[in-house]
Structures are given as structure tokens and as C-alpha cells.
N, C-alpha and C. Protein backbone atom coordinates (compact mmCIF):
# COMPACT_ATOMS: atom_id res chain seq x y z
N UNK A 1 -24.08 -3.05 8.72
CA UNK A 1 -23.93 -3.80 7.70
C UNK A 1 -22.74 -3.89 7.97
N UNK A 2 -22.93 -5.28 7.22
CA UNK A 2 -21.54 -6.40 7.41
C UNK A 2 -20.56 -5.48 6.48
N UNK A 3 -19.20 -6.16 7.00
CA UNK A 3 -17.69 -5.68 6.21
C UNK A 3 -17.95 -5.80 4.84
N UNK A 4 -18.15 -7.20 4.35
CA UNK A 4 -17.98 -7.96 2.94
C UNK A 4 -19.02 -7.02 2.22
N UNK A 5 -20.53 -6.86 2.34
CA UNK A 5 -21.09 -6.28 1.51
C UNK A 5 -20.52 -4.54 1.49
N UNK A 6 -19.87 -3.96 2.59
CA UNK A 6 -19.60 -2.89 2.63
C UNK A 6 -18.09 -2.61 1.81
N UNK A 7 -17.21 -3.70 1.52
CA UNK A 7 -16.13 -3.28 1.01
C UNK A 7 -16.18 -3.39 -0.48
N UNK A 8 -17.53 -4.57 -0.69
CA UNK A 8 -17.36 -4.51 -2.36
C UNK A 8 -18.42 -3.12 -2.56
N UNK A 9 -19.11 -2.55 -1.81
CA UNK A 9 -19.75 -1.09 -1.74
C UNK A 9 -18.71 -0.13 -2.41
N UNK A 10 -17.76 -0.04 -1.74
CA UNK A 10 -16.56 1.08 -1.75
C UNK A 10 -15.76 0.86 -2.54
N UNK A 11 -15.41 -0.62 -3.15
CA UNK A 11 -14.16 -1.13 -4.24
C UNK A 11 -15.35 0.02 -5.17
N UNK A 12 -16.54 -0.50 -5.65
CA UNK A 12 -17.26 -0.31 -6.37
C UNK A 12 -17.21 1.51 -6.57
N UNK A 13 -17.59 1.96 -5.48
CA UNK A 13 -17.48 3.43 -5.94
C UNK A 13 -15.90 4.02 -5.55
N UNK A 14 -15.17 3.23 -4.95
CA UNK A 14 -13.54 4.04 -5.47
C UNK A 14 -13.29 4.32 -6.69
N UNK A 15 -13.15 2.56 -6.89
CA UNK A 15 -12.69 2.41 -8.41
C UNK A 15 -13.20 2.97 -9.99
N UNK A 16 -14.59 2.94 -9.13
CA UNK A 16 -15.61 3.62 -10.32
C UNK A 16 -15.41 4.99 -10.26
N UNK A 17 -14.70 5.88 -9.34
CA UNK A 17 -14.82 7.14 -9.55
C UNK A 17 -13.39 7.52 -9.86
N UNK A 18 -12.33 6.56 -9.85
CA UNK A 18 -10.74 6.45 -10.31
C UNK A 18 -11.16 6.47 -12.21
N UNK A 19 -12.03 5.66 -12.45
CA UNK A 19 -13.08 5.56 -14.22
C UNK A 19 -13.37 6.88 -14.43
N UNK A 20 -13.95 7.75 -13.65
CA UNK A 20 -15.12 8.96 -14.01
C UNK A 20 -13.68 9.52 -14.17
N UNK A 21 -12.49 9.87 -13.09
CA UNK A 21 -11.78 10.41 -13.38
C UNK A 21 -11.16 10.77 -14.53
N UNK A 22 -10.80 9.48 -15.02
CA UNK A 22 -10.07 9.18 -15.90
C UNK A 22 -10.74 9.44 -17.70
N UNK A 23 -11.89 8.99 -17.44
CA UNK A 23 -12.29 9.46 -18.74
C UNK A 23 -12.78 10.90 -18.72
N UNK A 24 -12.38 11.78 -17.39
CA UNK A 24 -12.79 13.37 -17.73
C UNK A 24 -11.68 13.63 -17.80
N UNK A 25 -10.68 12.91 -17.81
CA UNK A 25 -9.14 13.61 -18.33
C UNK A 25 -8.91 14.21 -19.65
N UNK A 26 -9.81 13.60 -20.18
CA UNK A 26 -9.90 13.48 -22.20
C UNK A 26 -8.13 12.95 -21.83
N UNK A 27 -7.42 13.18 -23.12
CA UNK A 27 -6.33 12.43 -23.72
C UNK A 27 -5.05 12.89 -22.19
N UNK A 28 -5.54 13.55 -21.03
CA UNK A 28 -4.76 13.15 -20.45
C UNK A 28 -3.53 13.29 -20.18
N UNK A 29 -2.72 12.39 -19.51
CA UNK A 29 -1.47 12.52 -19.05
C UNK A 29 -0.57 11.99 -21.18
N UNK A 30 -1.33 11.68 -21.85
CA UNK A 30 -0.11 11.42 -23.46
C UNK A 30 -0.85 12.91 -23.75
N UNK A 31 -1.39 13.92 -23.53
CA UNK A 31 -1.93 15.09 -24.30
C UNK A 31 -0.88 15.89 -25.06
N UNK A 32 -0.43 16.56 -25.70
CA UNK A 32 0.48 17.79 -26.21
C UNK A 32 0.72 18.25 -25.01
N UNK A 33 -0.35 18.97 -24.07
CA UNK A 33 -0.45 20.04 -23.23
C UNK A 33 0.83 19.43 -22.53
N UNK A 34 0.11 18.21 -21.93
CA UNK A 34 0.86 17.89 -20.07
C UNK A 34 2.50 17.32 -20.54
N UNK A 35 2.33 16.35 -21.72
CA UNK A 35 3.68 16.04 -22.40
C UNK A 35 4.53 17.46 -22.49
N UNK A 36 4.02 18.45 -22.84
CA UNK A 36 5.11 19.54 -22.97
C UNK A 36 5.40 20.38 -21.93
N UNK A 37 4.81 20.57 -20.34
CA UNK A 37 4.89 20.94 -19.22
C UNK A 37 6.07 20.45 -18.51
N UNK A 38 6.96 21.89 -18.23
CA UNK A 38 8.24 21.56 -17.46
C UNK A 38 7.27 20.58 -15.41
N UNK A 39 8.08 19.52 -15.49
CA UNK A 39 7.21 18.53 -14.73
C UNK A 39 8.33 19.14 -14.04
N UNK A 40 8.32 18.23 -12.35
CA UNK A 40 9.15 17.86 -11.52
C UNK A 40 9.63 17.11 -11.50
N UNK A 41 11.46 17.56 -11.44
CA UNK A 41 12.26 16.53 -11.20
C UNK A 41 12.04 14.73 -11.21
N UNK A 42 10.78 15.44 -9.44
CA UNK A 42 10.46 14.26 -8.98
C UNK A 42 9.39 13.50 -9.58
N UNK A 43 9.02 13.68 -10.69
CA UNK A 43 8.07 13.31 -10.90
C UNK A 43 8.10 11.52 -11.49
N UNK A 44 6.92 10.95 -11.21
CA UNK A 44 7.00 9.06 -11.07
C UNK A 44 6.95 8.89 -12.97
N UNK A 45 7.17 7.46 -13.60
CA UNK A 45 7.14 7.38 -14.55
C UNK A 45 4.90 6.98 -14.53
N UNK A 46 5.01 6.94 -15.68
CA UNK A 46 3.53 7.06 -16.04
C UNK A 46 2.62 5.71 -15.43
N UNK A 47 3.25 4.66 -15.30
CA UNK A 47 3.06 3.54 -14.95
C UNK A 47 2.82 3.17 -12.95
N UNK A 48 3.39 4.33 -12.56
CA UNK A 48 3.29 4.39 -11.67
C UNK A 48 2.25 4.82 -10.75
N UNK A 49 1.29 5.97 -11.76
CA UNK A 49 0.49 6.50 -10.95
C UNK A 49 -0.91 5.29 -10.91
N UNK A 50 -1.17 4.38 -12.20
CA UNK A 50 -2.08 3.69 -11.92
C UNK A 50 -1.76 2.52 -10.90
N UNK A 51 -0.36 1.78 -10.69
CA UNK A 51 -0.46 1.09 -9.59
C UNK A 51 -0.54 1.95 -7.88
N UNK A 52 -0.05 2.94 -8.16
CA UNK A 52 -0.44 3.44 -7.18
C UNK A 52 -1.73 3.82 -6.92
N UNK A 53 -2.31 4.34 -7.56
CA UNK A 53 -3.98 4.45 -7.40
C UNK A 53 -4.49 3.33 -7.08
N UNK A 54 -3.84 1.70 -8.19
CA UNK A 54 -4.69 0.89 -7.50
C UNK A 54 -4.37 0.39 -5.59
N UNK A 55 -3.67 0.58 -5.65
CA UNK A 55 -2.92 -0.18 -3.79
C UNK A 55 -3.74 1.29 -3.06
N UNK A 56 -3.73 2.10 -3.75
CA UNK A 56 -4.49 3.08 -2.46
C UNK A 56 -6.11 3.12 -2.34
N UNK A 57 -6.45 2.83 -3.41
CA UNK A 57 -7.94 2.68 -3.55
C UNK A 57 -8.91 1.52 -2.82
N UNK A 58 -7.47 0.37 -2.94
CA UNK A 58 -7.53 -0.56 -2.03
C UNK A 58 -7.93 -0.72 -0.56
N UNK A 59 -6.62 -0.05 -0.57
CA UNK A 59 -6.54 -0.01 1.45
C UNK A 59 -7.81 0.82 1.75
N UNK A 60 -8.26 2.23 0.82
CA UNK A 60 -9.00 3.03 1.45
C UNK A 60 -10.35 2.19 1.60
N UNK A 61 -10.64 1.59 0.65
CA UNK A 61 -12.12 0.65 0.36
C UNK A 61 -12.09 0.01 1.68
N UNK A 62 -10.91 -0.72 2.19
CA UNK A 62 -10.75 -1.95 3.07
C UNK A 62 -11.10 -0.31 4.69
N UNK A 63 -10.66 0.43 4.49
CA UNK A 63 -10.22 1.84 5.68
C UNK A 63 -12.18 1.76 5.67
N UNK A 64 -12.49 1.82 5.09
CA UNK A 64 -13.93 2.99 4.61
C UNK A 64 -14.79 1.81 5.25
N UNK A 65 -14.83 0.24 5.22
CA UNK A 65 -15.62 -0.58 5.23
C UNK A 65 -15.69 -0.68 6.92
N UNK A 66 -14.61 -0.90 6.97
CA UNK A 66 -14.33 -0.64 8.83
C UNK A 66 -15.11 0.44 9.44
N UNK A 67 -14.70 1.36 9.00
CA UNK A 67 -15.16 2.68 9.23
C UNK A 67 -16.85 2.75 9.49
N UNK A 68 -17.14 2.48 8.19
CA UNK A 68 -18.98 2.49 7.80
C UNK A 68 -19.83 1.51 8.93
N UNK A 69 -18.60 0.25 8.85
CA UNK A 69 -19.59 -0.85 9.74
C UNK A 69 -19.74 -0.54 10.88
N UNK A 70 -19.22 0.50 11.38
CA UNK A 70 -18.93 0.55 12.70
C UNK A 70 -19.83 2.11 13.69
N UNK A 71 -19.47 2.78 12.70
CA UNK A 71 -19.64 4.19 12.50
C UNK A 71 -20.06 4.94 11.61
N UNK A 72 -21.72 5.33 11.57
CA UNK A 72 -21.93 6.06 10.81
C UNK A 72 -22.89 7.27 10.98
N UNK A 73 -22.63 8.36 10.13
CA UNK A 73 -23.14 9.77 10.28
C UNK A 73 -23.70 10.43 9.21
N UNK A 74 -24.57 11.50 9.17
CA UNK A 74 -24.66 12.03 8.06
C UNK A 74 -23.20 12.81 8.06
N UNK A 75 -22.02 13.60 8.46
CA UNK A 75 -20.93 14.01 8.61
C UNK A 75 -20.48 13.07 7.59
N UNK A 76 -19.78 12.14 8.35
CA UNK A 76 -18.78 11.07 7.45
C UNK A 76 -19.61 10.60 5.93
N UNK A 77 -20.79 10.20 6.08
CA UNK A 77 -21.08 10.36 4.59
C UNK A 77 -20.39 12.29 3.92
N UNK A 78 -20.98 12.69 4.01
CA UNK A 78 -20.59 13.88 3.78
C UNK A 78 -18.85 14.34 3.49
N UNK A 79 -18.60 14.02 4.21
CA UNK A 79 -16.73 13.99 3.79
C UNK A 79 -16.59 13.15 2.95
N UNK A 80 -17.06 11.76 3.24
CA UNK A 80 -16.64 10.75 1.77
C UNK A 80 -17.02 11.27 0.97
N UNK A 81 -18.56 11.56 1.08
CA UNK A 81 -18.57 12.41 -0.76
C UNK A 81 -17.96 13.34 -1.23
N UNK A 82 -17.75 14.33 -0.24
CA UNK A 82 -16.88 15.68 -1.05
C UNK A 82 -15.60 14.57 -1.14
N UNK A 83 -15.00 13.57 -0.85
CA UNK A 83 -13.90 13.08 -1.44
C UNK A 83 -13.39 12.60 -2.30
N UNK A 84 -14.76 11.96 -2.78
CA UNK A 84 -15.16 11.56 -4.55
C UNK A 84 -15.13 12.59 -5.33
N UNK A 85 -15.68 13.73 -4.70
CA UNK A 85 -16.04 14.59 -6.09
C UNK A 85 -14.69 15.13 -6.21
N UNK A 86 -13.64 15.96 -5.21
CA UNK A 86 -12.84 16.28 -5.42
C UNK A 86 -11.68 15.88 -6.02
N UNK A 87 -11.77 14.01 -6.03
CA UNK A 87 -11.00 13.28 -6.95
C UNK A 87 -11.38 12.88 -7.65
N UNK A 88 -12.39 13.08 -8.25
CA UNK A 88 -13.02 13.44 -9.83
C UNK A 88 -12.65 14.63 -10.26
N UNK A 89 -13.18 15.57 -9.41
CA UNK A 89 -12.59 16.86 -10.37
C UNK A 89 -11.16 17.05 -10.36
N UNK A 90 -10.46 17.11 -9.20
CA UNK A 90 -8.40 16.93 -9.81
C UNK A 90 -8.35 16.56 -11.26
N UNK A 91 -9.15 15.51 -11.27
CA UNK A 91 -8.66 14.90 -13.41
C UNK A 91 -8.90 15.82 -14.38
N UNK A 92 -10.24 16.52 -13.95
CA UNK A 92 -10.64 16.77 -14.56
C UNK A 92 -9.94 18.28 -15.12
N UNK A 93 -10.25 19.27 -13.58
CA UNK A 93 -9.52 20.63 -13.88
C UNK A 93 -7.83 20.32 -14.18
N UNK A 94 -7.25 19.73 -13.65
CA UNK A 94 -5.91 19.84 -14.24
C UNK A 94 -5.71 19.25 -16.14
N UNK A 95 -5.99 18.18 -16.10
CA UNK A 95 -6.01 17.28 -17.15
C UNK A 95 -6.71 17.88 -18.46
N UNK A 96 -8.03 18.08 -18.21
CA UNK A 96 -8.49 18.44 -19.19
C UNK A 96 -9.01 20.06 -19.97
N UNK A 97 -9.26 20.84 -18.43
CA UNK A 97 -9.29 21.74 -18.57
C UNK A 97 -8.09 22.76 -18.42
N UNK A 98 -6.85 22.70 -18.26
CA UNK A 98 -5.96 22.77 -17.14
C UNK A 98 -5.91 24.04 -16.89
N UNK A 99 -6.79 24.28 -15.85
CA UNK A 99 -6.46 24.77 -14.59
C UNK A 99 -6.09 24.69 -13.74
N UNK A 100 -4.48 25.05 -13.88
CA UNK A 100 -3.75 24.20 -12.76
C UNK A 100 -4.13 25.23 -11.44
N UNK A 101 -4.09 25.65 -11.05
CA UNK A 101 -4.62 27.00 -9.90
C UNK A 101 -5.64 26.31 -9.09
N UNK A 102 -6.50 26.11 -10.37
CA UNK A 102 -7.52 25.62 -9.47
C UNK A 102 -7.66 23.95 -8.72
N UNK A 103 -6.95 23.14 -10.11
CA UNK A 103 -6.78 22.25 -9.46
C UNK A 103 -6.09 21.81 -8.13
N UNK A 104 -4.84 22.55 -8.01
CA UNK A 104 -4.24 22.75 -6.69
C UNK A 104 -5.15 22.83 -5.99
N UNK A 105 -5.92 24.15 -5.94
CA UNK A 105 -7.13 24.10 -4.29
C UNK A 105 -7.90 22.94 -4.61
N UNK A 106 -8.68 22.15 -5.81
CA UNK A 106 -8.92 21.01 -5.24
C UNK A 106 -8.19 20.09 -4.82
N UNK A 107 -6.80 19.34 -5.17
CA UNK A 107 -6.23 18.97 -4.46
C UNK A 107 -5.65 18.82 -3.12
N UNK A 108 -5.66 20.30 -2.71
CA UNK A 108 -5.27 20.56 -1.28
C UNK A 108 -6.65 20.27 -0.28
N UNK A 109 -7.34 20.67 -0.98
CA UNK A 109 -8.87 19.91 0.12
C UNK A 109 -8.88 19.08 0.06
N UNK A 110 -8.49 17.93 -1.09
CA UNK A 110 -8.43 16.72 -0.83
C UNK A 110 -7.72 15.77 0.20
N UNK A 111 -6.66 16.79 0.27
CA UNK A 111 -5.66 15.91 1.23
C UNK A 111 -5.85 16.33 2.27
N UNK A 112 -6.92 17.75 2.98
CA UNK A 112 -7.23 17.88 4.17
C UNK A 112 -8.16 17.23 4.17
N UNK A 113 -8.98 16.51 3.48
CA UNK A 113 -10.14 15.24 3.87
C UNK A 113 -9.63 14.21 4.32
N UNK A 114 -8.45 13.45 3.85
CA UNK A 114 -7.96 12.28 3.56
C UNK A 114 -7.34 12.54 5.27
N UNK A 115 -6.49 13.36 5.53
CA UNK A 115 -6.09 13.86 6.69
C UNK A 115 -7.46 13.53 8.02
N UNK A 116 -8.06 14.53 7.54
CA UNK A 116 -9.48 14.89 8.08
C UNK A 116 -9.62 13.13 8.93
N UNK A 117 -9.88 12.20 7.92
CA UNK A 117 -10.42 10.87 8.05
C UNK A 117 -9.40 10.42 8.96
N UNK A 118 -7.71 9.98 9.31
CA UNK A 118 -6.93 9.90 9.82
C UNK A 118 -7.13 10.52 11.35
N UNK A 119 -7.10 12.05 10.95
CA UNK A 119 -7.03 12.43 13.05
C UNK A 119 -8.68 12.40 13.58
N UNK A 120 -9.79 12.36 12.78
CA UNK A 120 -10.48 12.54 13.18
C UNK A 120 -11.14 11.01 14.10
N UNK A 121 -11.36 10.32 13.46
CA UNK A 121 -12.12 8.78 13.27
C UNK A 121 -10.79 7.76 13.67
N UNK A 122 -10.56 8.18 14.82
CA UNK A 122 -9.59 6.85 15.56
C UNK A 122 -9.53 6.38 17.20
N UNK A 123 -11.24 5.87 16.96
CA UNK A 123 -11.59 5.49 18.13
C UNK A 123 -10.61 4.43 18.45
N UNK A 124 -10.97 3.05 18.91
CA UNK A 124 -10.25 2.26 19.90
C UNK A 124 -10.45 1.28 18.38
N UNK A 125 -11.70 1.10 17.63
CA UNK A 125 -12.01 0.21 16.58
C UNK A 125 -11.54 0.47 15.62
N UNK A 126 -11.27 2.43 15.17
CA UNK A 126 -10.20 2.04 13.90
C UNK A 126 -8.98 2.21 14.16
N UNK A 127 -8.58 3.17 15.24
CA UNK A 127 -6.88 3.13 15.66
C UNK A 127 -6.15 2.05 14.94
N UNK A 128 -6.18 1.10 14.28
CA UNK A 128 -5.29 0.42 13.87
C UNK A 128 -5.68 0.20 12.47
N UNK A 129 -6.79 0.49 11.89
CA UNK A 129 -7.16 0.73 10.82
C UNK A 129 -6.83 1.82 9.68
N UNK A 130 -6.70 2.97 10.84
CA UNK A 130 -6.35 3.99 9.98
C UNK A 130 -5.04 4.11 9.24
N UNK A 131 -4.09 3.28 9.64
CA UNK A 131 -2.76 3.71 9.11
C UNK A 131 -2.99 3.07 7.42
N UNK A 132 -3.99 2.22 7.16
CA UNK A 132 -4.58 2.19 5.84
C UNK A 132 -4.61 3.48 4.85
N UNK A 133 -4.69 4.87 5.93
CA UNK A 133 -4.76 5.77 4.87
C UNK A 133 -3.53 6.45 4.35
N UNK A 134 -2.50 5.98 5.33
CA UNK A 134 -1.02 6.52 4.79
C UNK A 134 -0.54 6.21 3.38
N UNK A 135 -0.81 5.33 2.57
CA UNK A 135 -0.67 5.40 1.34
C UNK A 135 -1.31 6.80 0.37
N UNK A 136 -2.85 6.64 1.10
CA UNK A 136 -3.32 7.77 0.37
C UNK A 136 -2.67 9.31 0.29
N UNK A 137 -2.56 9.34 1.87
CA UNK A 137 -1.93 10.78 2.65
C UNK A 137 -0.46 11.18 1.97
N UNK A 138 0.40 9.92 1.84
CA UNK A 138 1.58 10.33 1.11
C UNK A 138 1.42 10.69 -0.68
N UNK A 139 0.79 10.19 -1.32
CA UNK A 139 0.45 10.35 -2.41
C UNK A 139 0.10 11.44 -2.91
N UNK A 140 -0.89 11.40 -2.25
CA UNK A 140 -1.41 13.11 -2.08
C UNK A 140 -0.64 14.28 -1.88
N UNK A 141 0.14 14.25 -0.53
CA UNK A 141 1.37 15.54 -0.47
C UNK A 141 2.63 14.94 -1.75
N UNK A 142 2.76 14.44 -2.15
CA UNK A 142 3.87 13.64 -3.83
C UNK A 142 2.58 14.75 -4.90
N UNK A 143 1.40 14.20 -5.18
CA UNK A 143 0.51 15.09 -6.04
C UNK A 143 0.70 16.24 -5.97
N UNK A 144 0.10 16.58 -5.03
CA UNK A 144 0.34 18.17 -4.75
C UNK A 144 1.13 18.97 -5.15
N UNK A 145 2.76 18.44 -4.30
CA UNK A 145 3.97 19.23 -5.15
C UNK A 145 4.39 19.08 -6.00
N UNK A 146 3.87 18.09 -7.12
CA UNK A 146 4.04 18.27 -8.28
C UNK A 146 2.79 19.19 -9.21
N UNK A 147 1.90 19.51 -8.59
CA UNK A 147 1.02 20.15 -9.31
C UNK A 147 1.43 21.71 -8.74
N UNK A 148 1.42 21.84 -7.53
CA UNK A 148 2.18 23.10 -7.25
C UNK A 148 3.85 23.54 -8.44
N UNK A 149 4.17 22.33 -8.34
CA UNK A 149 5.94 22.83 -9.42
C UNK A 149 4.96 22.91 -10.63
N UNK A 150 3.76 22.32 -11.37
CA UNK A 150 3.51 22.70 -12.60
C UNK A 150 2.87 24.66 -12.56
N UNK A 151 2.57 24.98 -11.39
CA UNK A 151 2.13 25.82 -11.42
C UNK A 151 2.82 27.16 -11.46
N UNK A 152 4.11 26.59 -10.48
CA UNK A 152 5.20 27.57 -10.70
C UNK A 152 6.02 28.13 -11.08
N UNK A 153 6.24 26.77 -12.40
CA UNK A 153 7.71 26.40 -13.23
C UNK A 153 6.97 26.57 -14.50
N UNK A 154 5.29 26.43 -14.71
CA UNK A 154 5.06 26.74 -16.43
C UNK A 154 4.56 28.21 -16.95
């Protein structure tokens, strides 16, 4: 498959999963539960989350387009599908159900999957493109620390 159709496909899937995750959040960041939490001092302002996820999903979609253009396997499809499910599930578990520990497990698994992409798919053709995963990796480390803080200090 060519790059452009793959890019459109992954943009739709990735932003669609963000939209589903947002919908499953319920009141999310504006809920009284969340606003009354003892949050980490390094919690960014609310607008940062939308900006970060937009940038991350664009980078991730470009990365995936190059990866799937040159390399396809049932394992790769399964890993990507798991990433989508975990990304959606975290919002539901944390914001909607307030299952902070389960959300932490989910985000740790999601982080491991994104690191798996970075370290596993680094063939010559992908070696440079894999650095598009760095924003996602950094953001997940920050988000995991925020989730852990809520678990430990609430």
C-alpha cells in the first residue's frame, strides 16, 4: 500500500480513538472528582493535553504509515490494535470509572507497547522514522507519573 492512503487511514484511526476515549471520559477533566484530586505539581495546564495529543498522533500516524508500507505482519497489526484499545481504555478507567490503579496498569502496558515499537521496528528503512515515537514515549512517561501520583497521594 502507498504512503498517502496509509497516512489517511492512521490519522482516522488514531484521532478516532482519541475521540472515542474523550467520549468515554464522561465529564473528564472538568468533573468534580478530577478537579478535587491531589494532582502532581508537574501536572500541565489543561490545554497542553489537547496540543500534545494532536502532535503525538500526527507523528505516530506518519511513523505507522512508513512502518506498514514496508512491513506487515499479524504481530504488528496485533500490537497496533492493542495500543489503540489501551489508549481508549485508559480514559474510561481513569476519568469515568475512577479506577486509578487499573488505569495505571493500562498506561504502563501502553507505554511498553510504544517502547516496543521503537526498539523492535528499527530496520534500515525505519531507523530514522522511529524517532517520531519520541513525543509519544515522553508523554506516556509523564502521564504514567501523573497517574502514579494520583494513586499514591489521594
